[in-house]
Structures are given as C-alpha cells and as structure tokens.
Amino acid sequence: MIGLRSLRFADSLDVISAVFRANGSLSNTDPSVVQRIDDVRDVTVTGMHPFGHQLDGDHLGAVDELQLEWVPDVLRLAVPTASD
C-alpha cells in the first residue's frame, strides 16, 4: 500500500510523474511525501464528512467510510511485453 503524507499539488505531481517515469516504481520519491507499507490486507478510509468515490470511472456515491480489501488471485492481468 502506498500512502501520501502530503496532498500539495507539487508533491502529487512528483508522485504521478515518478510512476510514469520508472515503470510504476516509487522507490526514488521523497519519504516525507510517500510512505510504503507492505503486507496490508485491508484498509478503512474514514472521512470527516461524506466523500465521493468511484470505481473504473463510475461514481458510486458519497460515503462516510470506505473499506478496501486485497484478495489474492481474484483478477488476472494481461500485461503486453515490448515488441522487438
């Protein structure tokens, strides 16, 4: 799981550009901005006010709390390789 410690525009832009520059790697990002936590099975996001959320671009409404769970081997991904 990746957590952002800052939502400043410049910090967010650095994180987004790092993902596209290094095949999704955030290893060179500032640790005061990005925190990586391994072995997380689930996370609960609780807002101070109802917040909107979406899945695959579809708005699912506003909630006070959102529970996310990692379930291994549920989704099969096809990743194309670079052609020679």
N, C-alpha and C. Protein backbone atom coordinates (compact mmCIF):
# COMPACT_ATOMS: atom_id res chain seq x y z
N MET A 1 0.84 -1.16 0.00
CA MET A 1 0.00 0.00 0.00
C MET A 1 0.89 1.23 0.00
N ILE A 2 0.46 2.21 -0.72
CA ILE A 2 1.19 3.48 -0.79
C ILE A 2 0.31 4.55 -0.14
N GLY A 3 0.87 5.28 0.78
CA GLY A 3 0.16 6.38 1.42
C GLY A 3 0.84 7.69 1.11
N LEU A 4 0.05 8.70 0.81
CA LEU A 4 0.61 10.02 0.57
C LEU A 4 0.50 10.83 1.85
N ARG A 5 1.61 11.36 2.31
CA ARG A 5 1.63 12.17 3.52
C ARG A 5 1.31 13.63 3.21
N SER A 6 1.32 13.98 1.94
CA SER A 6 1.06 15.36 1.52
C SER A 6 0.18 15.34 0.29
N LEU A 7 -0.78 16.23 0.24
CA LEU A 7 -1.62 16.38 -0.94
C LEU A 7 -1.36 17.69 -1.66
N ARG A 8 -0.21 18.31 -1.35
CA ARG A 8 0.17 19.53 -2.07
C ARG A 8 0.30 19.21 -3.55
N PHE A 9 -0.07 20.15 -4.38
CA PHE A 9 -0.05 19.92 -5.83
C PHE A 9 1.33 19.48 -6.32
N ALA A 10 2.37 20.18 -5.90
CA ALA A 10 3.72 19.87 -6.36
C ALA A 10 4.13 18.46 -5.93
N ASP A 11 3.80 18.07 -4.71
CA ASP A 11 4.14 16.72 -4.23
C ASP A 11 3.38 15.66 -5.01
N SER A 12 2.08 15.90 -5.24
CA SER A 12 1.28 14.96 -6.01
C SER A 12 1.80 14.81 -7.43
N LEU A 13 2.20 15.90 -8.03
CA LEU A 13 2.75 15.87 -9.38
C LEU A 13 4.05 15.06 -9.42
N ASP A 14 4.90 15.20 -8.40
CA ASP A 14 6.13 14.41 -8.32
C ASP A 14 5.83 12.92 -8.26
N VAL A 15 4.84 12.54 -7.46
CA VAL A 15 4.48 11.13 -7.32
C VAL A 15 3.93 10.58 -8.63
N ILE A 16 3.03 11.32 -9.26
CA ILE A 16 2.44 10.87 -10.52
C ILE A 16 3.51 10.74 -11.60
N SER A 17 4.41 11.70 -11.69
CA SER A 17 5.46 11.61 -12.71
C SER A 17 6.42 10.47 -12.42
N ALA A 18 6.68 10.18 -11.14
CA ALA A 18 7.56 9.06 -10.79
C ALA A 18 6.96 7.73 -11.24
N VAL A 19 5.66 7.59 -11.11
CA VAL A 19 5.00 6.35 -11.53
C VAL A 19 5.17 6.14 -13.03
N PHE A 20 5.03 7.18 -13.82
CA PHE A 20 5.15 7.04 -15.27
C PHE A 20 6.59 6.95 -15.74
N ARG A 21 7.53 7.54 -15.01
CA ARG A 21 8.94 7.51 -15.41
C ARG A 21 9.60 6.17 -15.17
N ALA A 22 9.28 5.51 -14.08
CA ALA A 22 10.06 4.34 -13.66
C ALA A 22 9.22 3.07 -13.58
N ASN A 23 8.39 2.84 -14.56
CA ASN A 23 7.56 1.64 -14.60
C ASN A 23 6.77 1.44 -13.32
N GLY A 24 6.25 2.50 -12.75
CA GLY A 24 5.43 2.40 -11.56
C GLY A 24 6.19 2.38 -10.26
N SER A 25 7.49 2.53 -10.30
CA SER A 25 8.29 2.47 -9.08
C SER A 25 8.29 3.82 -8.36
N LEU A 26 8.07 3.77 -7.06
CA LEU A 26 8.12 4.99 -6.25
C LEU A 26 9.35 4.98 -5.34
N SER A 27 10.34 4.14 -5.66
CA SER A 27 11.50 3.98 -4.79
C SER A 27 12.34 5.25 -4.67
N ASN A 28 12.27 6.13 -5.66
CA ASN A 28 13.09 7.35 -5.60
C ASN A 28 12.31 8.58 -5.14
N THR A 29 11.10 8.39 -4.63
CA THR A 29 10.32 9.53 -4.18
C THR A 29 10.68 9.89 -2.74
N ASP A 30 10.39 11.10 -2.38
CA ASP A 30 10.71 11.64 -1.06
C ASP A 30 9.92 10.89 0.02
N PRO A 31 10.59 10.24 0.98
CA PRO A 31 9.88 9.50 2.02
C PRO A 31 9.04 10.39 2.93
N SER A 32 9.27 11.69 2.91
CA SER A 32 8.40 12.56 3.71
C SER A 32 7.06 12.80 3.01
N VAL A 33 6.97 12.38 1.73
CA VAL A 33 5.74 12.53 0.96
C VAL A 33 5.05 11.19 0.76
N VAL A 34 5.82 10.14 0.46
CA VAL A 34 5.27 8.82 0.14
C VAL A 34 5.69 7.82 1.21
N GLN A 35 4.73 7.07 1.70
CA GLN A 35 5.00 6.02 2.67
C GLN A 35 4.54 4.70 2.08
N ARG A 36 5.42 3.70 2.07
CA ARG A 36 5.07 2.38 1.56
C ARG A 36 4.92 1.42 2.74
N ILE A 37 3.82 0.70 2.74
CA ILE A 37 3.55 -0.27 3.81
C ILE A 37 3.25 -1.61 3.13
N ASP A 38 4.06 -2.61 3.40
CA ASP A 38 3.86 -3.94 2.82
C ASP A 38 2.97 -4.79 3.72
N ASP A 39 2.46 -5.87 3.17
CA ASP A 39 1.66 -6.85 3.91
C ASP A 39 0.37 -6.28 4.47
N VAL A 40 -0.28 -5.41 3.73
CA VAL A 40 -1.57 -4.87 4.14
C VAL A 40 -2.66 -5.64 3.42
N ARG A 41 -3.57 -6.23 4.16
CA ARG A 41 -4.68 -6.99 3.57
C ARG A 41 -5.93 -6.14 3.38
N ASP A 42 -6.12 -5.16 4.27
CA ASP A 42 -7.29 -4.30 4.13
C ASP A 42 -7.00 -2.95 4.76
N VAL A 43 -7.80 -1.98 4.35
CA VAL A 43 -7.66 -0.63 4.87
C VAL A 43 -9.05 0.00 4.92
N THR A 44 -9.27 0.81 5.92
CA THR A 44 -10.53 1.54 6.05
C THR A 44 -10.22 3.04 5.98
N VAL A 45 -10.89 3.73 5.09
CA VAL A 45 -10.74 5.17 4.95
C VAL A 45 -11.99 5.81 5.56
N THR A 46 -11.78 6.64 6.58
CA THR A 46 -12.88 7.30 7.26
C THR A 46 -12.76 8.81 7.06
N GLY A 47 -13.81 9.42 6.55
CA GLY A 47 -13.78 10.85 6.29
C GLY A 47 -14.41 11.64 7.42
N MET A 48 -14.04 12.90 7.50
CA MET A 48 -14.67 13.79 8.47
C MET A 48 -16.08 14.17 8.01
N HIS A 49 -16.30 14.08 6.69
CA HIS A 49 -17.58 14.37 6.06
C HIS A 49 -17.79 13.32 4.98
N PRO A 50 -19.00 13.11 4.51
CA PRO A 50 -19.19 12.17 3.39
C PRO A 50 -18.33 12.58 2.19
N PHE A 51 -17.72 11.59 1.56
CA PHE A 51 -16.87 11.85 0.40
C PHE A 51 -17.27 10.93 -0.74
N GLY A 52 -17.16 11.47 -1.96
CA GLY A 52 -17.49 10.71 -3.14
C GLY A 52 -16.39 9.72 -3.49
N HIS A 53 -16.76 8.63 -4.11
CA HIS A 53 -15.77 7.67 -4.58
C HIS A 53 -16.26 7.06 -5.90
N GLN A 54 -15.31 6.50 -6.63
CA GLN A 54 -15.65 5.91 -7.92
C GLN A 54 -14.84 4.66 -8.16
N LEU A 55 -15.34 3.82 -9.04
CA LEU A 55 -14.66 2.59 -9.44
C LEU A 55 -14.72 2.52 -10.95
N ASP A 56 -13.59 2.41 -11.57
CA ASP A 56 -13.50 2.36 -13.03
C ASP A 56 -14.22 3.53 -13.69
N GLY A 57 -14.16 4.69 -13.04
CA GLY A 57 -14.76 5.89 -13.60
C GLY A 57 -16.24 6.06 -13.31
N ASP A 58 -16.86 5.07 -12.67
CA ASP A 58 -18.28 5.18 -12.33
C ASP A 58 -18.43 5.72 -10.91
N HIS A 59 -19.18 6.82 -10.79
CA HIS A 59 -19.41 7.42 -9.47
C HIS A 59 -20.33 6.50 -8.67
N LEU A 60 -19.91 6.13 -7.46
CA LEU A 60 -20.67 5.21 -6.63
C LEU A 60 -21.35 5.89 -5.46
N GLY A 61 -21.29 7.21 -5.41
CA GLY A 61 -21.97 7.93 -4.35
C GLY A 61 -21.03 8.43 -3.27
N ALA A 62 -21.63 9.00 -2.24
CA ALA A 62 -20.87 9.55 -1.12
C ALA A 62 -21.03 8.63 0.09
N VAL A 63 -19.94 8.41 0.80
CA VAL A 63 -19.93 7.55 1.99
C VAL A 63 -19.15 8.23 3.10
N ASP A 64 -19.38 7.80 4.32
CA ASP A 64 -18.59 8.28 5.46
C ASP A 64 -17.34 7.44 5.65
N GLU A 65 -17.43 6.17 5.21
CA GLU A 65 -16.32 5.24 5.41
C GLU A 65 -16.24 4.31 4.21
N LEU A 66 -15.02 3.99 3.81
CA LEU A 66 -14.80 3.11 2.67
C LEU A 66 -13.84 2.01 3.09
N GLN A 67 -14.25 0.76 2.93
CA GLN A 67 -13.41 -0.38 3.30
C GLN A 67 -12.88 -1.03 2.03
N LEU A 68 -11.56 -1.16 1.96
CA LEU A 68 -10.89 -1.77 0.81
C LEU A 68 -10.19 -3.03 1.28
N GLU A 69 -10.29 -4.08 0.48
CA GLU A 69 -9.67 -5.35 0.85
C GLU A 69 -8.91 -5.91 -0.34
N TRP A 70 -7.71 -6.43 -0.07
CA TRP A 70 -6.92 -7.10 -1.09
C TRP A 70 -7.26 -8.58 -1.05
N VAL A 71 -7.68 -9.13 -2.21
CA VAL A 71 -8.00 -10.55 -2.31
C VAL A 71 -7.09 -11.13 -3.39
N PRO A 72 -6.14 -11.98 -2.99
CA PRO A 72 -5.18 -12.52 -3.97
C PRO A 72 -5.85 -13.43 -5.01
N ASP A 73 -5.30 -13.41 -6.21
CA ASP A 73 -5.70 -14.30 -7.30
C ASP A 73 -7.16 -14.13 -7.75
N VAL A 74 -7.75 -12.96 -7.54
CA VAL A 74 -9.12 -12.74 -7.98
C VAL A 74 -9.15 -12.19 -9.40
N LEU A 75 -8.18 -11.37 -9.73
CA LEU A 75 -8.14 -10.71 -11.02
C LEU A 75 -6.91 -11.14 -11.79
N ARG A 76 -7.10 -11.57 -13.02
CA ARG A 76 -5.98 -11.97 -13.86
C ARG A 76 -5.64 -10.80 -14.79
N LEU A 77 -4.40 -10.38 -14.79
CA LEU A 77 -3.97 -9.27 -15.63
C LEU A 77 -3.16 -9.77 -16.81
N ALA A 78 -3.41 -9.20 -17.95
CA ALA A 78 -2.63 -9.49 -19.15
C ALA A 78 -1.75 -8.25 -19.41
N VAL A 79 -0.46 -8.42 -19.31
CA VAL A 79 0.47 -7.30 -19.48
C VAL A 79 1.23 -7.52 -20.78
N PRO A 80 1.07 -6.62 -21.75
CA PRO A 80 1.81 -6.80 -23.01
C PRO A 80 3.29 -6.56 -22.80
N THR A 81 4.09 -7.28 -23.55
CA THR A 81 5.53 -7.09 -23.50
C THR A 81 5.97 -6.21 -24.66
N ALA A 82 7.11 -5.60 -24.52
CA ALA A 82 7.64 -4.76 -25.59
C ALA A 82 8.01 -5.64 -26.78
N SER A 83 7.62 -5.19 -27.96
CA SER A 83 7.95 -5.98 -29.15
C SER A 83 9.38 -5.65 -29.58
N ASP A 84 10.05 -6.65 -30.11
CA ASP A 84 11.45 -6.47 -30.54
C ASP A 84 11.54 -5.85 -31.90
